[in-house]
Amino acid sequence: MVPRGIKIGKEQLNVSAYADDIALIEKNEIETRKLFVDMENTARNFGLQINQEETKYMIEERKNSLKKNKIGHLKIKNYKFERVENF
């Protein structure tokens, strides 16, 4: 199985949380979608909801990346999230 998320030091990380803020960290859009669905299902089991208006996403790329991604929206299930350049 390929590790999910990113490696920071010796740790493999795909979720970082502080208070009511959660950052989902994945290597590509497909894995991000899977992780979001898992998180949303878990939140729902605890009676929590995702606030679409306050949820944003960001793509971190290597400086030498040739991809030129435009700011847009990410749609997952019934949610539509705004892309931002920084948090």
N, C-alpha and C. Protein backbone atom coordinates (compact mmCIF):
# COMPACT_ATOMS: atom_id res chain seq x y z
N MET A 1 0.84 -1.19 0.00
CA MET A 1 0.00 0.00 0.00
C MET A 1 0.88 1.25 0.00
N VAL A 2 0.55 2.18 -0.85
CA VAL A 2 1.29 3.44 -0.94
C VAL A 2 0.85 4.34 0.21
N PRO A 3 1.80 4.93 0.95
CA PRO A 3 1.41 5.83 2.06
C PRO A 3 0.63 7.03 1.55
N ARG A 4 -0.40 7.45 2.30
CA ARG A 4 -1.20 8.61 1.94
C ARG A 4 -0.59 9.85 2.58
N GLY A 5 -0.90 11.02 2.01
CA GLY A 5 -0.46 12.27 2.60
C GLY A 5 0.96 12.64 2.21
N ILE A 6 1.64 13.31 3.12
CA ILE A 6 3.00 13.76 2.88
C ILE A 6 3.89 13.32 4.03
N LYS A 7 5.17 13.25 3.77
CA LYS A 7 6.12 12.87 4.81
C LYS A 7 6.77 14.14 5.36
N ILE A 8 6.67 14.31 6.67
CA ILE A 8 7.32 15.43 7.36
C ILE A 8 8.27 14.81 8.36
N GLY A 9 9.56 14.96 8.11
CA GLY A 9 10.53 14.27 8.94
C GLY A 9 10.37 12.78 8.75
N LYS A 10 10.14 12.07 9.84
CA LYS A 10 9.94 10.62 9.77
C LYS A 10 8.46 10.24 9.80
N GLU A 11 7.58 11.23 9.90
CA GLU A 11 6.15 10.97 10.04
C GLU A 11 5.41 11.12 8.71
N GLN A 12 4.46 10.22 8.47
CA GLN A 12 3.56 10.32 7.32
C GLN A 12 2.28 10.99 7.82
N LEU A 13 1.89 12.11 7.21
CA LEU A 13 0.79 12.92 7.71
C LEU A 13 -0.23 13.17 6.60
N ASN A 14 -1.53 12.98 6.92
CA ASN A 14 -2.55 13.35 5.95
C ASN A 14 -3.67 14.19 6.56
N VAL A 15 -3.66 14.37 7.88
CA VAL A 15 -4.62 15.26 8.54
C VAL A 15 -3.89 16.04 9.63
N SER A 16 -4.09 17.33 9.64
CA SER A 16 -3.54 18.18 10.68
C SER A 16 -4.71 19.00 11.24
N ALA A 17 -4.85 19.03 12.57
CA ALA A 17 -5.99 19.72 13.16
C ALA A 17 -5.55 20.61 14.31
N TYR A 18 -6.25 21.74 14.45
CA TYR A 18 -6.05 22.66 15.56
C TYR A 18 -7.38 23.32 15.84
N ALA A 19 -7.90 23.15 17.05
CA ALA A 19 -9.22 23.67 17.44
C ALA A 19 -10.26 23.16 16.45
N ASP A 20 -10.96 24.05 15.76
CA ASP A 20 -11.97 23.59 14.80
C ASP A 20 -11.50 23.69 13.36
N ASP A 21 -10.19 23.83 13.16
CA ASP A 21 -9.61 23.87 11.81
C ASP A 21 -8.95 22.53 11.51
N ILE A 22 -9.23 22.01 10.33
CA ILE A 22 -8.64 20.74 9.91
C ILE A 22 -8.05 20.93 8.52
N ALA A 23 -6.83 20.47 8.34
CA ALA A 23 -6.18 20.49 7.03
C ALA A 23 -6.04 19.05 6.55
N LEU A 24 -6.58 18.77 5.37
CA LEU A 24 -6.42 17.47 4.75
C LEU A 24 -5.27 17.58 3.76
N ILE A 25 -4.33 16.66 3.84
CA ILE A 25 -3.12 16.75 3.02
C ILE A 25 -2.99 15.48 2.20
N GLU A 26 -3.01 15.62 0.91
CA GLU A 26 -2.86 14.49 0.02
C GLU A 26 -2.00 14.86 -1.17
N LYS A 27 -1.59 13.84 -1.92
CA LYS A 27 -0.69 14.06 -3.05
C LYS A 27 -1.40 14.41 -4.34
N ASN A 28 -2.71 14.11 -4.42
CA ASN A 28 -3.43 14.39 -5.65
C ASN A 28 -4.92 14.58 -5.35
N GLU A 29 -5.66 15.00 -6.36
CA GLU A 29 -7.08 15.31 -6.17
C GLU A 29 -7.90 14.07 -5.83
N ILE A 30 -7.59 12.94 -6.43
CA ILE A 30 -8.35 11.71 -6.16
C ILE A 30 -8.23 11.32 -4.69
N GLU A 31 -7.02 11.34 -4.15
CA GLU A 31 -6.82 10.99 -2.74
C GLU A 31 -7.44 12.03 -1.82
N THR A 32 -7.42 13.30 -2.23
CA THR A 32 -8.06 14.36 -1.44
C THR A 32 -9.55 14.11 -1.36
N ARG A 33 -10.15 13.75 -2.47
CA ARG A 33 -11.59 13.46 -2.48
C ARG A 33 -11.93 12.29 -1.55
N LYS A 34 -11.14 11.22 -1.61
CA LYS A 34 -11.37 10.05 -0.75
C LYS A 34 -11.26 10.44 0.72
N LEU A 35 -10.22 11.19 1.06
CA LEU A 35 -10.00 11.59 2.44
C LEU A 35 -11.13 12.49 2.93
N PHE A 36 -11.58 13.42 2.07
CA PHE A 36 -12.68 14.30 2.46
C PHE A 36 -13.94 13.50 2.74
N VAL A 37 -14.28 12.55 1.88
CA VAL A 37 -15.48 11.74 2.08
C VAL A 37 -15.37 10.97 3.38
N ASP A 38 -14.20 10.40 3.68
CA ASP A 38 -13.99 9.70 4.95
C ASP A 38 -14.21 10.64 6.13
N MET A 39 -13.63 11.85 6.05
CA MET A 39 -13.75 12.81 7.13
C MET A 39 -15.21 13.27 7.29
N GLU A 40 -15.88 13.53 6.19
CA GLU A 40 -17.26 13.99 6.25
C GLU A 40 -18.16 12.91 6.86
N ASN A 41 -17.95 11.66 6.51
CA ASN A 41 -18.73 10.56 7.09
C ASN A 41 -18.48 10.45 8.60
N THR A 42 -17.22 10.58 9.01
CA THR A 42 -16.89 10.52 10.44
C THR A 42 -17.53 11.69 11.18
N ALA A 43 -17.44 12.90 10.60
CA ALA A 43 -18.04 14.08 11.23
C ALA A 43 -19.55 13.88 11.40
N ARG A 44 -20.19 13.38 10.36
CA ARG A 44 -21.63 13.16 10.41
C ARG A 44 -22.00 12.18 11.53
N ASN A 45 -21.17 11.15 11.75
CA ASN A 45 -21.42 10.18 12.82
C ASN A 45 -21.41 10.84 14.20
N PHE A 46 -20.71 11.98 14.32
CA PHE A 46 -20.66 12.72 15.59
C PHE A 46 -21.63 13.89 15.61
N GLY A 47 -22.48 13.99 14.59
CA GLY A 47 -23.46 15.07 14.53
C GLY A 47 -22.87 16.39 14.04
N LEU A 48 -21.72 16.35 13.40
CA LEU A 48 -21.07 17.56 12.91
C LEU A 48 -21.31 17.71 11.41
N GLN A 49 -21.21 18.95 10.93
CA GLN A 49 -21.39 19.24 9.52
C GLN A 49 -20.22 20.04 8.99
N ILE A 50 -19.95 19.89 7.71
CA ILE A 50 -18.91 20.68 7.04
C ILE A 50 -19.53 22.01 6.64
N ASN A 51 -18.86 23.11 6.97
CA ASN A 51 -19.33 24.44 6.59
C ASN A 51 -18.70 24.79 5.23
N GLN A 52 -19.49 24.65 4.19
CA GLN A 52 -19.00 24.89 2.83
C GLN A 52 -18.48 26.31 2.64
N GLU A 53 -19.10 27.29 3.27
CA GLU A 53 -18.70 28.68 3.11
C GLU A 53 -17.32 28.96 3.70
N GLU A 54 -16.94 28.23 4.74
CA GLU A 54 -15.66 28.47 5.40
C GLU A 54 -14.58 27.47 4.98
N THR A 55 -14.93 26.53 4.12
CA THR A 55 -13.98 25.51 3.68
C THR A 55 -13.34 25.94 2.37
N LYS A 56 -12.03 25.95 2.34
CA LYS A 56 -11.26 26.33 1.15
C LYS A 56 -10.26 25.22 0.84
N TYR A 57 -9.71 25.27 -0.36
CA TYR A 57 -8.64 24.32 -0.68
C TYR A 57 -7.49 25.06 -1.36
N MET A 58 -6.33 24.45 -1.26
CA MET A 58 -5.12 25.04 -1.81
C MET A 58 -4.29 23.93 -2.44
N ILE A 59 -3.63 24.22 -3.54
CA ILE A 59 -2.72 23.28 -4.17
C ILE A 59 -1.31 23.80 -3.97
N GLU A 60 -0.50 22.99 -3.36
CA GLU A 60 0.91 23.34 -3.15
C GLU A 60 1.74 22.59 -4.20
N GLU A 61 2.48 23.33 -4.98
CA GLU A 61 3.28 22.73 -6.04
C GLU A 61 4.74 23.09 -5.88
N ARG A 62 5.58 22.28 -6.46
CA ARG A 62 7.00 22.61 -6.49
C ARG A 62 7.20 23.86 -7.34
N LYS A 63 8.18 24.64 -6.98
CA LYS A 63 8.41 25.91 -7.70
C LYS A 63 8.69 25.68 -9.19
N ASN A 64 9.30 24.54 -9.52
CA ASN A 64 9.64 24.31 -10.92
C ASN A 64 8.54 23.57 -11.67
N SER A 65 7.35 23.45 -11.07
CA SER A 65 6.24 22.77 -11.73
C SER A 65 5.82 23.53 -12.97
N LEU A 66 5.57 22.80 -14.04
CA LEU A 66 5.17 23.44 -15.29
C LEU A 66 3.66 23.62 -15.38
N LYS A 67 2.92 23.02 -14.46
CA LYS A 67 1.46 23.15 -14.49
C LYS A 67 1.05 24.55 -14.10
N LYS A 68 0.13 25.10 -14.84
CA LYS A 68 -0.41 26.42 -14.53
C LYS A 68 -1.88 26.24 -14.17
N ASN A 69 -2.15 25.99 -12.90
CA ASN A 69 -3.52 25.80 -12.45
C ASN A 69 -4.19 27.13 -12.19
N LYS A 70 -5.38 27.29 -12.71
CA LYS A 70 -6.15 28.50 -12.47
C LYS A 70 -6.98 28.32 -11.21
N ILE A 71 -7.27 29.43 -10.55
CA ILE A 71 -8.13 29.36 -9.38
C ILE A 71 -9.52 28.94 -9.84
N GLY A 72 -10.08 28.00 -9.14
CA GLY A 72 -11.40 27.50 -9.48
C GLY A 72 -12.04 26.87 -8.27
N HIS A 73 -12.96 25.99 -8.50
CA HIS A 73 -13.67 25.33 -7.42
C HIS A 73 -13.44 23.82 -7.49
N LEU A 74 -13.49 23.19 -6.35
CA LEU A 74 -13.38 21.74 -6.23
C LEU A 74 -14.75 21.25 -5.78
N LYS A 75 -15.34 20.35 -6.55
CA LYS A 75 -16.65 19.82 -6.21
C LYS A 75 -16.48 18.40 -5.69
N ILE A 76 -17.01 18.17 -4.49
CA ILE A 76 -17.01 16.84 -3.88
C ILE A 76 -18.41 16.62 -3.31
N LYS A 77 -19.05 15.56 -3.76
CA LYS A 77 -20.43 15.27 -3.36
C LYS A 77 -21.29 16.49 -3.63
N ASN A 78 -22.00 17.00 -2.62
CA ASN A 78 -22.85 18.18 -2.80
C ASN A 78 -22.15 19.48 -2.41
N TYR A 79 -20.85 19.41 -2.20
CA TYR A 79 -20.08 20.58 -1.76
C TYR A 79 -19.33 21.19 -2.94
N LYS A 80 -19.10 22.51 -2.84
CA LYS A 80 -18.30 23.23 -3.82
C LYS A 80 -17.35 24.13 -3.04
N PHE A 81 -16.04 23.87 -3.15
CA PHE A 81 -15.05 24.59 -2.36
C PHE A 81 -14.23 25.53 -3.23
N GLU A 82 -13.99 26.73 -2.72
CA GLU A 82 -13.20 27.74 -3.40
C GLU A 82 -11.71 27.45 -3.25
N ARG A 83 -10.96 27.63 -4.33
CA ARG A 83 -9.50 27.50 -4.27
C ARG A 83 -8.89 28.82 -3.86
N VAL A 84 -7.91 28.76 -2.96
CA VAL A 84 -7.18 29.95 -2.53
C VAL A 84 -5.69 29.72 -2.76
N GLU A 85 -4.94 30.79 -2.79
CA GLU A 85 -3.49 30.70 -2.99
C GLU A 85 -2.72 30.56 -1.70
N ASN A 86 -3.34 30.95 -0.56
CA ASN A 86 -2.70 30.79 0.75
C ASN A 86 -3.76 30.81 1.85
N PHE A 87 -3.35 30.36 3.03
CA PHE A 87 -4.25 30.35 4.19
C PHE A 87 -3.76 31.35 5.21
